[in-house]
Amino acid sequence: MNAVRENGAKRRVTGVLVKVLLHARTERGMRLEPFASRCVRRGEVHELVVTDQPDETPGARIDRVGFLGFAEIEAAGVLDRGDVLHIAGRRVGTVLGFDACHFPNHYNILVLAPRLVTGDDLALTPESAVTFTP
């Protein structure tokens, strides 16, 4: 039987950092949504959160997080698990999934990285370019 092909090519989702966050937590208790992708609209603001916990299981508890900041979406699109996040041209990590504890205000976009970092650790600044690429 042939495997079902669902996903074709897509464009990059771009944005700009609007607020930098400086803290990390080791007992945050975020929960991965069961969705591997989420649509984001132009003008929405979402939180960028790094984790070094690679668990993709729906409902997985994500405790180890570093907060990078909030980004405004400039070019709408679809974010998929595995998309690569760059901020100011620097590779940060890959999308692990989404936590919706603050939705509909915003999603926490969880980004898997080799180590826990914050906006301070990466010397992020407001207006830095944010891109998600397949």
N, C-alpha and C. Protein backbone atom coordinates (compact mmCIF):
# COMPACT_ATOMS: atom_id res chain seq x y z
N MET A 1 0.84 -1.18 0.00
CA MET A 1 0.00 0.00 0.00
C MET A 1 0.88 1.24 0.00
N ASN A 2 0.52 2.24 -0.78
CA ASN A 2 1.29 3.48 -0.86
C ASN A 2 1.01 4.36 0.35
N ALA A 3 2.08 5.01 0.82
CA ALA A 3 1.93 5.95 1.93
C ALA A 3 1.16 7.18 1.44
N VAL A 4 0.35 7.75 2.29
CA VAL A 4 -0.41 8.95 1.96
C VAL A 4 0.53 10.16 2.05
N ARG A 5 0.55 10.93 0.98
CA ARG A 5 1.34 12.17 0.98
C ARG A 5 0.39 13.32 1.25
N GLU A 6 0.66 14.05 2.32
CA GLU A 6 -0.23 15.14 2.71
C GLU A 6 0.37 16.51 2.50
N ASN A 7 1.65 16.65 2.71
CA ASN A 7 2.26 17.98 2.77
C ASN A 7 3.09 18.28 1.54
N GLY A 8 2.76 19.38 0.88
CA GLY A 8 3.55 19.89 -0.23
C GLY A 8 4.40 21.05 0.24
N ALA A 9 4.91 21.79 -0.73
CA ALA A 9 5.77 22.94 -0.43
C ALA A 9 4.96 24.03 0.28
N LYS A 10 5.66 24.85 1.03
CA LYS A 10 5.01 25.98 1.70
C LYS A 10 6.00 27.14 1.79
N ARG A 11 5.47 28.32 2.07
CA ARG A 11 6.33 29.48 2.20
C ARG A 11 6.83 29.63 3.63
N ARG A 12 7.86 30.44 3.78
CA ARG A 12 8.37 30.77 5.11
C ARG A 12 7.36 31.64 5.84
N VAL A 13 7.31 31.48 7.13
CA VAL A 13 6.54 32.38 7.99
C VAL A 13 7.54 33.36 8.58
N THR A 14 7.26 34.65 8.43
CA THR A 14 8.20 35.65 8.92
C THR A 14 7.52 36.56 9.93
N GLY A 15 8.35 37.18 10.74
CA GLY A 15 7.85 38.10 11.74
C GLY A 15 8.97 38.94 12.31
N VAL A 16 8.65 39.60 13.40
CA VAL A 16 9.61 40.47 14.06
C VAL A 16 9.42 40.34 15.58
N LEU A 17 10.52 40.33 16.28
CA LEU A 17 10.48 40.25 17.74
C LEU A 17 9.95 41.58 18.30
N VAL A 18 8.94 41.50 19.16
CA VAL A 18 8.36 42.72 19.73
C VAL A 18 8.67 42.89 21.21
N LYS A 19 9.05 41.80 21.87
CA LYS A 19 9.43 41.88 23.28
C LYS A 19 10.39 40.74 23.59
N VAL A 20 11.45 41.05 24.30
CA VAL A 20 12.45 40.06 24.70
C VAL A 20 12.14 39.58 26.12
N LEU A 21 12.26 38.27 26.35
CA LEU A 21 12.08 37.70 27.69
C LEU A 21 13.42 37.13 28.17
N LEU A 22 13.63 37.16 29.48
CA LEU A 22 14.95 36.90 30.04
C LEU A 22 15.03 35.71 30.99
N HIS A 23 13.93 35.02 31.22
CA HIS A 23 13.93 34.01 32.29
C HIS A 23 13.80 32.58 31.76
N ALA A 24 14.13 31.63 32.62
CA ALA A 24 14.00 30.20 32.34
C ALA A 24 13.33 29.54 33.54
N ARG A 25 12.70 28.40 33.29
CA ARG A 25 12.06 27.64 34.37
C ARG A 25 12.34 26.16 34.16
N THR A 26 12.37 25.42 35.25
CA THR A 26 12.61 23.98 35.14
C THR A 26 11.41 23.16 35.59
N GLU A 27 10.32 23.82 35.98
CA GLU A 27 9.09 23.12 36.37
C GLU A 27 7.88 23.88 35.82
N ARG A 28 7.88 24.22 34.53
CA ARG A 28 6.85 25.08 33.94
C ARG A 28 5.52 24.36 33.73
N GLY A 29 5.55 23.11 33.32
CA GLY A 29 4.31 22.35 33.15
C GLY A 29 3.53 22.68 31.90
N MET A 30 4.19 23.09 30.84
CA MET A 30 3.48 23.28 29.57
C MET A 30 3.08 21.91 29.03
N ARG A 31 2.03 21.87 28.22
CA ARG A 31 1.55 20.62 27.63
C ARG A 31 1.52 20.76 26.11
N LEU A 32 2.11 19.77 25.42
CA LEU A 32 2.09 19.78 23.97
C LEU A 32 0.70 19.51 23.44
N GLU A 33 0.23 20.38 22.59
CA GLU A 33 -1.04 20.17 21.90
C GLU A 33 -0.91 18.93 21.01
N PRO A 34 -2.01 18.27 20.69
CA PRO A 34 -1.94 17.08 19.85
C PRO A 34 -1.74 17.38 18.37
N PHE A 35 -1.58 18.64 18.01
CA PHE A 35 -1.48 19.05 16.62
C PHE A 35 -0.02 19.23 16.21
N ALA A 36 0.33 18.73 15.03
CA ALA A 36 1.69 18.88 14.51
C ALA A 36 1.86 20.19 13.77
N SER A 37 0.76 20.91 13.52
CA SER A 37 0.86 22.19 12.82
C SER A 37 -0.21 23.15 13.33
N ARG A 38 0.05 24.42 13.14
CA ARG A 38 -0.90 25.48 13.49
C ARG A 38 -0.77 26.58 12.45
N CYS A 39 -1.88 27.16 12.08
CA CYS A 39 -1.88 28.34 11.20
C CYS A 39 -1.65 29.57 12.06
N VAL A 40 -0.89 30.51 11.52
CA VAL A 40 -0.68 31.79 12.19
C VAL A 40 -1.00 32.90 11.20
N ARG A 41 -1.66 33.95 11.69
CA ARG A 41 -2.13 35.04 10.83
C ARG A 41 -1.25 36.27 10.97
N ARG A 42 -1.23 37.04 9.91
CA ARG A 42 -0.51 38.31 9.94
C ARG A 42 -1.07 39.17 11.08
N GLY A 43 -0.16 39.75 11.85
CA GLY A 43 -0.55 40.62 12.96
C GLY A 43 -0.68 39.92 14.29
N GLU A 44 -0.78 38.59 14.29
CA GLU A 44 -0.84 37.87 15.57
C GLU A 44 0.50 37.95 16.27
N VAL A 45 0.45 37.86 17.60
CA VAL A 45 1.66 37.83 18.42
C VAL A 45 1.69 36.51 19.16
N HIS A 46 2.82 35.79 19.07
CA HIS A 46 2.97 34.50 19.73
C HIS A 46 4.29 34.48 20.50
N GLU A 47 4.32 33.66 21.55
CA GLU A 47 5.49 33.56 22.41
C GLU A 47 6.43 32.47 21.91
N LEU A 48 7.73 32.78 21.89
CA LEU A 48 8.76 31.83 21.47
C LEU A 48 9.45 31.29 22.71
N VAL A 49 9.40 29.96 22.85
CA VAL A 49 9.90 29.30 24.06
C VAL A 49 10.81 28.15 23.65
N VAL A 50 12.02 28.12 24.19
CA VAL A 50 12.98 27.05 23.91
C VAL A 50 12.86 25.96 24.96
N THR A 51 13.03 24.71 24.53
CA THR A 51 13.14 23.59 25.46
C THR A 51 14.23 22.65 24.98
N ASP A 52 14.80 21.91 25.91
CA ASP A 52 15.75 20.86 25.53
C ASP A 52 15.16 19.47 25.78
N GLN A 53 13.83 19.41 25.96
CA GLN A 53 13.11 18.16 26.14
C GLN A 53 12.54 17.73 24.79
N PRO A 54 13.02 16.64 24.20
CA PRO A 54 12.63 16.27 22.83
C PRO A 54 11.33 15.47 22.71
N ASP A 55 10.52 15.36 23.73
CA ASP A 55 9.31 14.53 23.71
C ASP A 55 8.23 15.16 22.84
N GLU A 56 7.84 14.48 21.74
CA GLU A 56 6.80 14.96 20.83
C GLU A 56 5.44 14.34 21.12
N THR A 57 5.32 13.56 22.17
CA THR A 57 4.07 12.88 22.48
C THR A 57 2.97 13.90 22.80
N PRO A 58 1.81 13.78 22.12
CA PRO A 58 0.71 14.70 22.46
C PRO A 58 0.40 14.67 23.95
N GLY A 59 0.30 15.85 24.55
CA GLY A 59 0.04 15.96 25.97
C GLY A 59 1.29 15.90 26.84
N ALA A 60 2.46 15.70 26.21
CA ALA A 60 3.71 15.61 26.98
C ALA A 60 3.87 16.87 27.83
N ARG A 61 4.35 16.67 29.06
CA ARG A 61 4.62 17.79 29.96
C ARG A 61 6.02 18.32 29.66
N ILE A 62 6.08 19.61 29.37
CA ILE A 62 7.36 20.26 29.08
C ILE A 62 7.67 21.21 30.24
N ASP A 63 8.67 20.83 31.02
CA ASP A 63 9.02 21.60 32.22
C ASP A 63 10.22 22.52 32.01
N ARG A 64 11.20 22.06 31.25
CA ARG A 64 12.45 22.83 31.08
C ARG A 64 12.29 23.79 29.91
N VAL A 65 12.13 25.07 30.21
CA VAL A 65 11.90 26.07 29.17
C VAL A 65 12.72 27.32 29.40
N GLY A 66 13.13 27.92 28.30
CA GLY A 66 13.78 29.23 28.29
C GLY A 66 12.94 30.15 27.43
N PHE A 67 12.63 31.30 27.94
CA PHE A 67 11.74 32.23 27.24
C PHE A 67 12.56 33.19 26.39
N LEU A 68 12.25 33.25 25.09
CA LEU A 68 12.96 34.12 24.17
C LEU A 68 12.27 35.46 24.02
N GLY A 69 10.96 35.43 23.81
CA GLY A 69 10.22 36.66 23.64
C GLY A 69 8.95 36.45 22.85
N PHE A 70 8.33 37.56 22.47
CA PHE A 70 7.11 37.55 21.69
C PHE A 70 7.41 38.06 20.29
N ALA A 71 6.82 37.40 19.30
CA ALA A 71 7.03 37.78 17.91
C ALA A 71 5.70 38.09 17.23
N GLU A 72 5.68 39.17 16.46
CA GLU A 72 4.52 39.51 15.64
C GLU A 72 4.70 38.85 14.27
N ILE A 73 3.68 38.16 13.81
CA ILE A 73 3.72 37.51 12.50
C ILE A 73 3.49 38.56 11.42
N GLU A 74 4.41 38.63 10.46
CA GLU A 74 4.27 39.57 9.34
C GLU A 74 3.78 38.89 8.08
N ALA A 75 4.18 37.64 7.86
CA ALA A 75 3.72 36.87 6.70
C ALA A 75 3.07 35.60 7.25
N ALA A 76 1.75 35.53 7.13
CA ALA A 76 0.99 34.40 7.66
C ALA A 76 1.39 33.10 6.97
N GLY A 77 1.04 32.01 7.61
CA GLY A 77 1.33 30.71 7.03
C GLY A 77 1.03 29.59 8.00
N VAL A 78 1.67 28.46 7.77
CA VAL A 78 1.49 27.27 8.58
C VAL A 78 2.82 26.93 9.24
N LEU A 79 2.79 26.79 10.57
CA LEU A 79 3.96 26.32 11.30
C LEU A 79 3.80 24.83 11.52
N ASP A 80 4.83 24.07 11.19
CA ASP A 80 4.83 22.62 11.35
C ASP A 80 5.92 22.19 12.30
N ARG A 81 5.65 21.10 13.03
CA ARG A 81 6.70 20.49 13.83
C ARG A 81 7.89 20.22 12.90
N GLY A 82 9.07 20.59 13.34
CA GLY A 82 10.28 20.39 12.54
C GLY A 82 10.73 21.61 11.77
N ASP A 83 9.87 22.64 11.63
CA ASP A 83 10.30 23.88 10.99
C ASP A 83 11.46 24.48 11.78
N VAL A 84 12.36 25.15 11.09
CA VAL A 84 13.54 25.74 11.72
C VAL A 84 13.27 27.20 12.05
N LEU A 85 13.55 27.58 13.30
CA LEU A 85 13.41 28.97 13.74
C LEU A 85 14.77 29.65 13.69
N HIS A 86 14.80 30.81 13.00
CA HIS A 86 15.95 31.70 13.02
C HIS A 86 15.50 33.04 13.60
N ILE A 87 16.33 33.63 14.43
CA ILE A 87 16.10 34.99 14.91
C ILE A 87 17.36 35.79 14.61
N ALA A 88 17.17 36.91 13.94
CA ALA A 88 18.29 37.78 13.53
C ALA A 88 19.34 36.98 12.76
N GLY A 89 18.87 36.05 11.92
CA GLY A 89 19.77 35.26 11.10
C GLY A 89 20.44 34.10 11.81
N ARG A 90 20.21 33.93 13.08
CA ARG A 90 20.84 32.86 13.86
C ARG A 90 19.86 31.71 14.07
N ARG A 91 20.32 30.50 13.77
CA ARG A 91 19.48 29.32 13.98
C ARG A 91 19.31 29.08 15.48
N VAL A 92 18.05 28.98 15.91
CA VAL A 92 17.75 28.76 17.32
C VAL A 92 17.42 27.30 17.58
N GLY A 93 16.61 26.69 16.72
CA GLY A 93 16.21 25.29 16.90
C GLY A 93 15.05 24.96 15.97
N THR A 94 14.35 23.86 16.27
CA THR A 94 13.23 23.41 15.44
C THR A 94 11.94 23.37 16.25
N VAL A 95 10.85 23.65 15.58
CA VAL A 95 9.55 23.64 16.25
C VAL A 95 9.25 22.24 16.77
N LEU A 96 9.03 22.13 18.07
CA LEU A 96 8.65 20.87 18.71
C LEU A 96 7.14 20.73 18.74
N GLY A 97 6.46 21.84 18.95
CA GLY A 97 5.00 21.81 19.04
C GLY A 97 4.48 23.10 19.65
N PHE A 98 3.27 23.00 20.19
CA PHE A 98 2.56 24.18 20.64
C PHE A 98 1.90 23.92 21.99
N ASP A 99 1.93 24.93 22.85
CA ASP A 99 1.22 24.90 24.12
C ASP A 99 0.17 26.00 24.04
N ALA A 100 -1.08 25.67 24.38
CA ALA A 100 -2.17 26.62 24.21
C ALA A 100 -2.73 27.14 25.54
N CYS A 101 -1.92 27.14 26.60
CA CYS A 101 -2.44 27.55 27.90
C CYS A 101 -2.90 29.01 27.91
N HIS A 102 -2.39 29.84 27.00
CA HIS A 102 -2.80 31.25 26.94
C HIS A 102 -3.71 31.55 25.74
N PHE A 103 -4.01 30.52 24.94
CA PHE A 103 -4.85 30.72 23.76
C PHE A 103 -6.27 31.06 24.17
N PRO A 104 -6.98 32.00 23.55
CA PRO A 104 -6.71 32.57 22.22
C PRO A 104 -5.83 33.82 22.22
N ASN A 105 -5.32 34.23 23.37
CA ASN A 105 -4.42 35.38 23.38
C ASN A 105 -3.18 35.11 22.53
N HIS A 106 -2.53 33.98 22.77
CA HIS A 106 -1.35 33.60 21.98
C HIS A 106 -1.02 32.13 22.21
N TYR A 107 -0.28 31.55 21.26
CA TYR A 107 0.32 30.23 21.45
C TYR A 107 1.70 30.40 22.04
N ASN A 108 2.13 29.41 22.82
CA ASN A 108 3.54 29.23 23.13
C ASN A 108 4.07 28.31 22.04
N ILE A 109 4.98 28.80 21.22
CA ILE A 109 5.59 27.98 20.18
C ILE A 109 6.85 27.39 20.80
N LEU A 110 6.81 26.07 21.01
CA LEU A 110 7.92 25.39 21.68
C LEU A 110 8.96 24.98 20.64
N VAL A 111 10.20 25.39 20.89
CA VAL A 111 11.30 25.18 19.96
C VAL A 111 12.35 24.31 20.62
N LEU A 112 12.63 23.17 20.01
CA LEU A 112 13.65 22.26 20.54
C LEU A 112 15.03 22.77 20.17
N ALA A 113 15.88 22.92 21.17
CA ALA A 113 17.24 23.41 20.97
C ALA A 113 18.21 22.52 21.76
N PRO A 114 19.49 22.56 21.40
CA PRO A 114 20.47 21.71 22.09
C PRO A 114 20.65 22.04 23.57
N ARG A 115 20.39 23.32 23.92
CA ARG A 115 20.50 23.71 25.33
C ARG A 115 19.47 24.77 25.64
N LEU A 116 19.15 24.89 26.90
CA LEU A 116 18.17 25.88 27.36
C LEU A 116 18.79 27.27 27.29
N VAL A 117 18.15 28.17 26.54
CA VAL A 117 18.63 29.56 26.43
C VAL A 117 17.45 30.50 26.59
N THR A 118 17.75 31.74 26.88
CA THR A 118 16.74 32.80 27.01
C THR A 118 17.05 33.91 26.00
N GLY A 119 16.17 34.88 25.93
CA GLY A 119 16.43 36.04 25.08
C GLY A 119 17.70 36.76 25.49
N ASP A 120 17.97 36.79 26.78
CA ASP A 120 19.19 37.41 27.30
C ASP A 120 20.43 36.65 26.83
N ASP A 121 20.39 35.32 26.94
CA ASP A 121 21.54 34.50 26.52
C ASP A 121 21.89 34.71 25.05
N LEU A 122 20.87 34.93 24.22
CA LEU A 122 21.09 35.11 22.79
C LEU A 122 21.24 36.58 22.40
N ALA A 123 21.22 37.48 23.39
CA ALA A 123 21.36 38.93 23.16
C ALA A 123 20.32 39.42 22.14
N LEU A 124 19.08 38.95 22.29
CA LEU A 124 18.02 39.34 21.36
C LEU A 124 17.60 40.78 21.63
N THR A 125 17.11 41.42 20.58
CA THR A 125 16.62 42.79 20.69
C THR A 125 15.29 42.93 19.95
N PRO A 126 14.42 43.83 20.40
CA PRO A 126 13.19 44.09 19.66
C PRO A 126 13.51 44.47 18.21
N GLU A 127 12.61 44.13 17.31
CA GLU A 127 12.71 44.37 15.86
C GLU A 127 13.61 43.37 15.15
N SER A 128 14.17 42.38 15.88
CA SER A 128 14.97 41.34 15.20
C SER A 128 14.06 40.51 14.31
N ALA A 129 14.56 40.14 13.14
CA ALA A 129 13.78 39.32 12.20
C ALA A 129 13.62 37.90 12.74
N VAL A 130 12.40 37.38 12.59
CA VAL A 130 12.06 36.02 13.00
C VAL A 130 11.59 35.27 11.75
N THR A 131 12.17 34.10 11.49
CA THR A 131 11.72 33.29 10.35
C THR A 131 11.58 31.84 10.74
N PHE A 132 10.53 31.23 10.23
CA PHE A 132 10.32 29.79 10.35
C PHE A 132 10.39 29.23 8.94
N THR A 133 11.29 28.29 8.71
CA THR A 133 11.45 27.70 7.37
C THR A 133 11.26 26.19 7.45
N PRO A 134 10.70 25.63 6.37
CA PRO A 134 10.51 24.16 6.36
C PRO A 134 11.83 23.41 6.39
